[in-house]
Amino acid sequence: MSSPHLLLLSTALILTLAACTNLQRADDAATAKTRMIGMSREEVLSCMGVPKKKAAEGTTEVWSYLSTSGHGESTGAAYKPTGYAVTSSEHDHSFCTVNIVMKDGAVKAVHYNGPTSSSLFSKDDQCGYAIANCVN
């Protein structure tokens, strides 16, 4: 096989593998919206780490996490095997924000805000880094 053909084939293989990874993270993000419902505070802390921000009103709490691929600021971050939830205040505008809504100590909803997708075909994949340990 000639060098240009090998280069083209290698590039196609790399792009295909990258797309599969994005689709898996998008699937994880979609799954989290149902699978995390009912989780306790302790379970969320165990799989996501300490939230970047917390807000409370009565018995309702919202825990916020920044989801990132592992690039950028790592000071104060809770590392996870598939990425990490950032707990520092830097880069807030660059990542998906994962909001975990709890009532009476259990997860009631999972919401994603900000830049949540890396492409049209991988909805919410950028949010998949923070929640991966909760669904896998």
N, C-alpha and C. Protein backbone atom coordinates (compact mmCIF):
# COMPACT_ATOMS: atom_id res chain seq x y z
N MET A 1 0.86 -1.18 0.00
CA MET A 1 0.00 0.00 0.00
C MET A 1 0.90 1.24 0.00
N SER A 2 0.59 2.21 -0.84
CA SER A 2 1.43 3.40 -0.95
C SER A 2 1.25 4.30 0.26
N SER A 3 2.22 5.15 0.46
CA SER A 3 2.24 6.05 1.61
C SER A 3 1.01 6.96 1.71
N PRO A 4 0.55 7.60 0.61
CA PRO A 4 -0.65 8.44 0.71
C PRO A 4 -1.89 7.64 1.11
N HIS A 5 -2.01 6.42 0.58
CA HIS A 5 -3.17 5.59 0.93
C HIS A 5 -3.12 5.17 2.40
N LEU A 6 -1.93 4.85 2.88
CA LEU A 6 -1.75 4.47 4.27
C LEU A 6 -2.07 5.64 5.20
N LEU A 7 -1.64 6.82 4.80
CA LEU A 7 -1.93 8.02 5.59
C LEU A 7 -3.43 8.29 5.63
N LEU A 8 -4.09 8.16 4.51
CA LEU A 8 -5.54 8.37 4.44
C LEU A 8 -6.29 7.34 5.28
N LEU A 9 -5.87 6.08 5.19
CA LEU A 9 -6.50 5.02 5.98
C LEU A 9 -6.27 5.25 7.47
N SER A 10 -5.08 5.63 7.86
CA SER A 10 -4.77 5.90 9.27
C SER A 10 -5.60 7.06 9.80
N THR A 11 -5.73 8.10 9.01
CA THR A 11 -6.53 9.27 9.41
C THR A 11 -7.99 8.89 9.59
N ALA A 12 -8.52 8.11 8.67
CA ALA A 12 -9.92 7.66 8.76
C ALA A 12 -10.13 6.82 10.01
N LEU A 13 -9.20 5.95 10.33
CA LEU A 13 -9.30 5.10 11.52
C LEU A 13 -9.29 5.94 12.79
N ILE A 14 -8.41 6.91 12.86
CA ILE A 14 -8.32 7.79 14.03
C ILE A 14 -9.61 8.58 14.21
N LEU A 15 -10.14 9.13 13.13
CA LEU A 15 -11.39 9.89 13.21
C LEU A 15 -12.56 9.00 13.64
N THR A 16 -12.59 7.78 13.16
CA THR A 16 -13.65 6.85 13.54
C THR A 16 -13.58 6.52 15.03
N LEU A 17 -12.38 6.26 15.53
CA LEU A 17 -12.22 5.97 16.96
C LEU A 17 -12.60 7.16 17.83
N ALA A 18 -12.23 8.37 17.41
CA ALA A 18 -12.60 9.57 18.16
C ALA A 18 -14.11 9.75 18.19
N ALA A 19 -14.78 9.50 17.08
CA ALA A 19 -16.23 9.62 17.03
C ALA A 19 -16.90 8.62 17.96
N CYS A 20 -16.38 7.41 18.02
CA CYS A 20 -16.94 6.39 18.92
C CYS A 20 -16.82 6.82 20.38
N THR A 21 -15.69 7.41 20.73
CA THR A 21 -15.48 7.88 22.10
C THR A 21 -16.49 8.97 22.44
N ASN A 22 -16.70 9.92 21.52
CA ASN A 22 -17.67 10.99 21.75
C ASN A 22 -19.08 10.42 21.91
N LEU A 23 -19.43 9.44 21.10
CA LEU A 23 -20.75 8.83 21.19
C LEU A 23 -20.94 8.09 22.51
N GLN A 24 -19.88 7.45 23.02
CA GLN A 24 -19.98 6.77 24.31
C GLN A 24 -20.22 7.78 25.43
N ARG A 25 -19.49 8.89 25.41
CA ARG A 25 -19.69 9.93 26.43
C ARG A 25 -21.09 10.52 26.33
N ALA A 26 -21.59 10.70 25.11
CA ALA A 26 -22.96 11.22 24.92
C ALA A 26 -23.97 10.23 25.48
N ASP A 27 -23.73 8.95 25.26
CA ASP A 27 -24.62 7.91 25.80
C ASP A 27 -24.57 7.91 27.33
N ASP A 28 -23.37 8.04 27.90
CA ASP A 28 -23.24 8.12 29.36
C ASP A 28 -24.02 9.31 29.92
N ALA A 29 -23.91 10.46 29.23
CA ALA A 29 -24.62 11.66 29.69
C ALA A 29 -26.13 11.45 29.66
N ALA A 30 -26.63 10.81 28.61
CA ALA A 30 -28.07 10.53 28.52
C ALA A 30 -28.50 9.54 29.60
N THR A 31 -27.71 8.51 29.81
CA THR A 31 -28.01 7.49 30.82
C THR A 31 -28.04 8.08 32.22
N ALA A 32 -27.13 9.02 32.50
CA ALA A 32 -27.06 9.62 33.83
C ALA A 32 -28.36 10.32 34.23
N LYS A 33 -29.06 10.87 33.24
CA LYS A 33 -30.30 11.60 33.54
C LYS A 33 -31.38 10.69 34.13
N THR A 34 -31.26 9.39 33.93
CA THR A 34 -32.23 8.46 34.53
C THR A 34 -31.58 7.60 35.62
N ARG A 35 -30.38 7.11 35.35
CA ARG A 35 -29.73 6.19 36.30
C ARG A 35 -29.35 6.86 37.62
N MET A 36 -29.05 8.15 37.59
CA MET A 36 -28.64 8.83 38.83
C MET A 36 -29.82 9.23 39.71
N ILE A 37 -31.02 9.20 39.17
CA ILE A 37 -32.20 9.55 39.96
C ILE A 37 -32.30 8.59 41.16
N GLY A 38 -32.45 9.18 42.34
CA GLY A 38 -32.54 8.39 43.56
C GLY A 38 -31.23 8.17 44.28
N MET A 39 -30.08 8.51 43.63
CA MET A 39 -28.79 8.35 44.30
C MET A 39 -28.73 9.25 45.53
N SER A 40 -28.04 8.80 46.56
CA SER A 40 -27.87 9.59 47.77
C SER A 40 -26.72 10.59 47.59
N ARG A 41 -26.61 11.54 48.50
CA ARG A 41 -25.49 12.49 48.49
C ARG A 41 -24.17 11.74 48.49
N GLU A 42 -24.08 10.72 49.35
CA GLU A 42 -22.84 9.96 49.50
C GLU A 42 -22.47 9.26 48.19
N GLU A 43 -23.46 8.73 47.49
CA GLU A 43 -23.19 8.07 46.21
C GLU A 43 -22.68 9.07 45.18
N VAL A 44 -23.27 10.26 45.14
CA VAL A 44 -22.82 11.30 44.21
C VAL A 44 -21.41 11.74 44.56
N LEU A 45 -21.13 11.95 45.84
CA LEU A 45 -19.77 12.31 46.25
C LEU A 45 -18.77 11.23 45.86
N SER A 46 -19.17 9.99 45.98
CA SER A 46 -18.28 8.88 45.66
C SER A 46 -17.96 8.81 44.17
N CYS A 47 -18.93 9.06 43.32
CA CYS A 47 -18.67 8.91 41.88
C CYS A 47 -18.28 10.22 41.19
N MET A 48 -18.59 11.39 41.78
CA MET A 48 -18.28 12.66 41.12
C MET A 48 -17.29 13.52 41.90
N GLY A 49 -17.12 13.25 43.18
CA GLY A 49 -16.25 14.08 43.99
C GLY A 49 -16.99 15.26 44.57
N VAL A 50 -16.25 16.17 45.15
CA VAL A 50 -16.81 17.36 45.78
C VAL A 50 -17.24 18.35 44.70
N PRO A 51 -18.47 18.89 44.80
CA PRO A 51 -18.94 19.83 43.76
C PRO A 51 -18.18 21.15 43.80
N LYS A 52 -18.13 21.81 42.65
CA LYS A 52 -17.51 23.14 42.55
C LYS A 52 -18.34 24.16 43.31
N LYS A 53 -19.67 24.05 43.20
CA LYS A 53 -20.57 24.98 43.88
C LYS A 53 -21.75 24.21 44.44
N LYS A 54 -22.32 24.76 45.51
CA LYS A 54 -23.54 24.19 46.09
C LYS A 54 -24.51 25.34 46.35
N ALA A 55 -25.79 25.07 46.14
CA ALA A 55 -26.84 26.04 46.48
C ALA A 55 -27.96 25.24 47.15
N ALA A 56 -28.65 25.87 48.09
CA ALA A 56 -29.74 25.18 48.79
C ALA A 56 -30.89 26.13 49.06
N GLU A 57 -32.09 25.57 49.01
CA GLU A 57 -33.32 26.29 49.36
C GLU A 57 -34.24 25.25 49.98
N GLY A 58 -34.46 25.36 51.27
CA GLY A 58 -35.28 24.37 51.96
C GLY A 58 -34.60 23.01 51.91
N THR A 59 -35.32 21.99 51.42
CA THR A 59 -34.75 20.64 51.33
C THR A 59 -34.22 20.34 49.93
N THR A 60 -34.16 21.37 49.08
CA THR A 60 -33.64 21.19 47.72
C THR A 60 -32.23 21.76 47.64
N GLU A 61 -31.32 20.97 47.07
CA GLU A 61 -29.93 21.38 46.87
C GLU A 61 -29.58 21.22 45.39
N VAL A 62 -28.68 22.08 44.91
CA VAL A 62 -28.12 21.92 43.57
C VAL A 62 -26.61 21.90 43.72
N TRP A 63 -26.01 20.80 43.27
CA TRP A 63 -24.56 20.66 43.25
C TRP A 63 -24.11 20.84 41.82
N SER A 64 -23.11 21.72 41.60
CA SER A 64 -22.62 22.02 40.25
C SER A 64 -21.19 21.54 40.06
N TYR A 65 -20.96 20.90 38.93
CA TYR A 65 -19.66 20.38 38.54
C TYR A 65 -19.33 20.89 37.15
N LEU A 66 -18.04 21.14 36.89
CA LEU A 66 -17.59 21.44 35.54
C LEU A 66 -17.03 20.16 34.96
N SER A 67 -17.43 19.83 33.76
CA SER A 67 -16.99 18.60 33.11
C SER A 67 -15.95 18.93 32.07
N THR A 68 -14.81 18.24 32.12
CA THR A 68 -13.71 18.49 31.20
C THR A 68 -13.03 17.18 30.82
N SER A 69 -12.33 17.21 29.72
CA SER A 69 -11.64 16.02 29.22
C SER A 69 -10.35 15.73 29.97
N GLY A 70 -9.98 16.59 30.89
CA GLY A 70 -8.72 16.39 31.58
C GLY A 70 -7.65 17.37 31.14
N HIS A 71 -8.00 18.26 30.20
CA HIS A 71 -7.06 19.28 29.76
C HIS A 71 -7.34 20.56 30.53
N GLY A 72 -6.31 21.34 30.78
CA GLY A 72 -6.50 22.62 31.46
C GLY A 72 -6.14 22.53 32.92
N GLU A 73 -6.66 23.43 33.70
CA GLU A 73 -6.35 23.56 35.12
C GLU A 73 -6.71 22.30 35.88
N SER A 74 -5.77 21.80 36.68
CA SER A 74 -6.04 20.60 37.47
C SER A 74 -5.93 20.84 38.96
N THR A 75 -5.54 22.03 39.39
CA THR A 75 -5.43 22.31 40.80
C THR A 75 -6.79 22.19 41.46
N GLY A 76 -6.87 21.39 42.51
CA GLY A 76 -8.12 21.23 43.24
C GLY A 76 -9.11 20.32 42.56
N ALA A 77 -8.68 19.59 41.55
CA ALA A 77 -9.61 18.74 40.82
C ALA A 77 -9.70 17.35 41.45
N ALA A 78 -10.86 16.77 41.36
CA ALA A 78 -11.06 15.39 41.80
C ALA A 78 -10.91 14.51 40.57
N TYR A 79 -9.78 13.83 40.42
CA TYR A 79 -9.51 13.05 39.22
C TYR A 79 -10.36 11.80 39.15
N LYS A 80 -10.80 11.48 37.98
CA LYS A 80 -11.58 10.28 37.71
C LYS A 80 -10.90 9.56 36.54
N PRO A 81 -11.02 8.24 36.43
CA PRO A 81 -10.35 7.52 35.36
C PRO A 81 -10.72 7.99 33.95
N THR A 82 -11.94 8.49 33.73
CA THR A 82 -12.37 8.87 32.38
C THR A 82 -12.42 10.38 32.20
N GLY A 83 -11.84 11.13 33.08
CA GLY A 83 -11.91 12.58 33.05
C GLY A 83 -11.98 13.06 34.48
N TYR A 84 -12.39 14.27 34.70
CA TYR A 84 -12.55 14.71 36.07
C TYR A 84 -13.53 15.84 36.17
N ALA A 85 -14.05 15.99 37.37
CA ALA A 85 -14.95 17.10 37.67
C ALA A 85 -14.08 18.20 38.26
N VAL A 86 -14.02 19.34 37.63
CA VAL A 86 -13.15 20.42 38.07
C VAL A 86 -13.75 21.13 39.27
N THR A 87 -12.92 21.33 40.29
CA THR A 87 -13.40 22.04 41.47
C THR A 87 -12.72 23.40 41.62
N SER A 88 -11.88 23.79 40.67
CA SER A 88 -11.28 25.12 40.72
C SER A 88 -12.20 26.10 40.01
N SER A 89 -11.92 27.40 40.15
CA SER A 89 -12.81 28.40 39.55
C SER A 89 -12.38 28.81 38.15
N GLU A 90 -11.29 28.26 37.64
CA GLU A 90 -10.81 28.63 36.31
C GLU A 90 -11.54 27.88 35.21
N HIS A 91 -11.61 28.49 34.05
CA HIS A 91 -12.17 27.88 32.84
C HIS A 91 -13.67 27.62 32.91
N ASP A 92 -14.42 28.28 33.77
CA ASP A 92 -15.85 28.04 33.91
C ASP A 92 -16.60 28.18 32.59
N HIS A 93 -16.15 29.08 31.72
CA HIS A 93 -16.85 29.35 30.46
C HIS A 93 -16.58 28.30 29.39
N SER A 94 -15.64 27.39 29.63
CA SER A 94 -15.20 26.47 28.59
C SER A 94 -15.82 25.09 28.66
N PHE A 95 -16.48 24.76 29.75
CA PHE A 95 -16.91 23.39 29.95
C PHE A 95 -18.40 23.28 30.22
N CYS A 96 -18.91 22.10 30.00
CA CYS A 96 -20.28 21.79 30.37
C CYS A 96 -20.40 21.87 31.89
N THR A 97 -21.45 22.51 32.37
CA THR A 97 -21.75 22.51 33.80
C THR A 97 -22.82 21.46 34.04
N VAL A 98 -22.52 20.53 34.95
CA VAL A 98 -23.45 19.48 35.32
C VAL A 98 -24.08 19.88 36.65
N ASN A 99 -25.40 20.06 36.66
CA ASN A 99 -26.12 20.41 37.88
C ASN A 99 -26.90 19.20 38.37
N ILE A 100 -26.58 18.77 39.57
CA ILE A 100 -27.27 17.65 40.21
C ILE A 100 -28.27 18.24 41.20
N VAL A 101 -29.56 18.04 40.95
CA VAL A 101 -30.62 18.58 41.81
C VAL A 101 -31.04 17.49 42.78
N MET A 102 -30.97 17.81 44.08
CA MET A 102 -31.35 16.86 45.11
C MET A 102 -32.48 17.42 45.96
N LYS A 103 -33.35 16.55 46.39
CA LYS A 103 -34.41 16.91 47.33
C LYS A 103 -34.43 15.83 48.40
N ASP A 104 -34.43 16.28 49.66
CA ASP A 104 -34.41 15.36 50.79
C ASP A 104 -33.26 14.36 50.70
N GLY A 105 -32.09 14.82 50.21
CA GLY A 105 -30.88 14.01 50.19
C GLY A 105 -30.76 13.01 49.05
N ALA A 106 -31.66 13.06 48.07
CA ALA A 106 -31.58 12.13 46.93
C ALA A 106 -31.68 12.90 45.62
N VAL A 107 -31.01 12.41 44.59
CA VAL A 107 -31.02 13.05 43.27
C VAL A 107 -32.43 12.99 42.68
N LYS A 108 -32.90 14.17 42.24
CA LYS A 108 -34.21 14.28 41.58
C LYS A 108 -34.07 14.60 40.10
N ALA A 109 -32.95 15.23 39.71
CA ALA A 109 -32.75 15.61 38.31
C ALA A 109 -31.27 15.85 38.04
N VAL A 110 -30.89 15.67 36.76
CA VAL A 110 -29.55 15.98 36.28
C VAL A 110 -29.72 16.90 35.08
N HIS A 111 -29.08 18.09 35.14
CA HIS A 111 -29.20 19.08 34.05
C HIS A 111 -27.81 19.45 33.54
N TYR A 112 -27.72 19.75 32.24
CA TYR A 112 -26.48 20.16 31.61
C TYR A 112 -26.65 21.56 31.04
N ASN A 113 -25.63 22.41 31.25
CA ASN A 113 -25.64 23.78 30.73
C ASN A 113 -24.30 24.11 30.12
N GLY A 114 -24.28 25.15 29.28
CA GLY A 114 -23.04 25.61 28.68
C GLY A 114 -22.72 24.84 27.42
N PRO A 115 -21.43 24.81 27.04
CA PRO A 115 -21.03 24.07 25.83
C PRO A 115 -21.07 22.57 26.11
N THR A 116 -22.17 21.92 25.78
CA THR A 116 -22.38 20.53 26.16
C THR A 116 -21.97 19.53 25.09
N SER A 117 -21.85 19.95 23.84
CA SER A 117 -21.59 19.01 22.75
C SER A 117 -20.39 19.42 21.91
N SER A 118 -19.60 18.41 21.50
CA SER A 118 -18.45 18.70 20.63
C SER A 118 -18.83 18.66 19.16
N SER A 119 -20.02 18.09 18.85
CA SER A 119 -20.48 18.06 17.46
C SER A 119 -21.99 17.90 17.43
N LEU A 120 -22.56 18.02 16.25
CA LEU A 120 -24.01 17.83 16.09
C LEU A 120 -24.45 16.40 16.40
N PHE A 121 -23.54 15.46 16.28
CA PHE A 121 -23.89 14.05 16.40
C PHE A 121 -23.65 13.47 17.78
N SER A 122 -23.14 14.27 18.71
CA SER A 122 -22.83 13.75 20.04
C SER A 122 -23.38 14.67 21.12
N LYS A 123 -24.71 14.70 21.25
CA LYS A 123 -25.39 15.57 22.20
C LYS A 123 -24.91 15.32 23.63
N ASP A 124 -24.49 16.37 24.29
CA ASP A 124 -24.07 16.37 25.70
C ASP A 124 -22.80 15.55 25.97
N ASP A 125 -22.02 15.20 24.94
CA ASP A 125 -20.83 14.38 25.18
C ASP A 125 -19.82 15.06 26.10
N GLN A 126 -19.75 16.38 26.07
CA GLN A 126 -18.79 17.07 26.94
C GLN A 126 -19.16 16.96 28.42
N CYS A 127 -20.40 16.62 28.70
CA CYS A 127 -20.86 16.44 30.07
C CYS A 127 -20.55 15.03 30.58
N GLY A 128 -20.24 14.14 29.67
CA GLY A 128 -20.00 12.75 30.01
C GLY A 128 -18.77 12.50 30.88
N TYR A 129 -17.80 13.41 30.84
CA TYR A 129 -16.59 13.22 31.65
C TYR A 129 -16.93 13.22 33.14
N ALA A 130 -17.73 14.17 33.59
CA ALA A 130 -18.01 14.32 35.02
C ALA A 130 -18.88 13.20 35.58
N ILE A 131 -19.76 12.65 34.78
CA ILE A 131 -20.74 11.67 35.29
C ILE A 131 -20.35 10.23 34.97
N ALA A 132 -19.28 10.02 34.23
CA ALA A 132 -18.91 8.67 33.76
C ALA A 132 -18.83 7.64 34.89
N ASN A 133 -18.24 8.00 36.01
CA ASN A 133 -18.09 7.05 37.10
C ASN A 133 -19.41 6.72 37.78
N CYS A 134 -20.42 7.50 37.53
CA CYS A 134 -21.74 7.26 38.14
C CYS A 134 -22.58 6.29 37.32
N VAL A 135 -22.24 6.11 36.07
CA VAL A 135 -23.06 5.25 35.19
C VAL A 135 -22.32 4.02 34.69
N ASN A 136 -21.02 3.96 34.85
CA ASN A 136 -20.24 2.80 34.36
C ASN A 136 -19.82 1.90 35.47
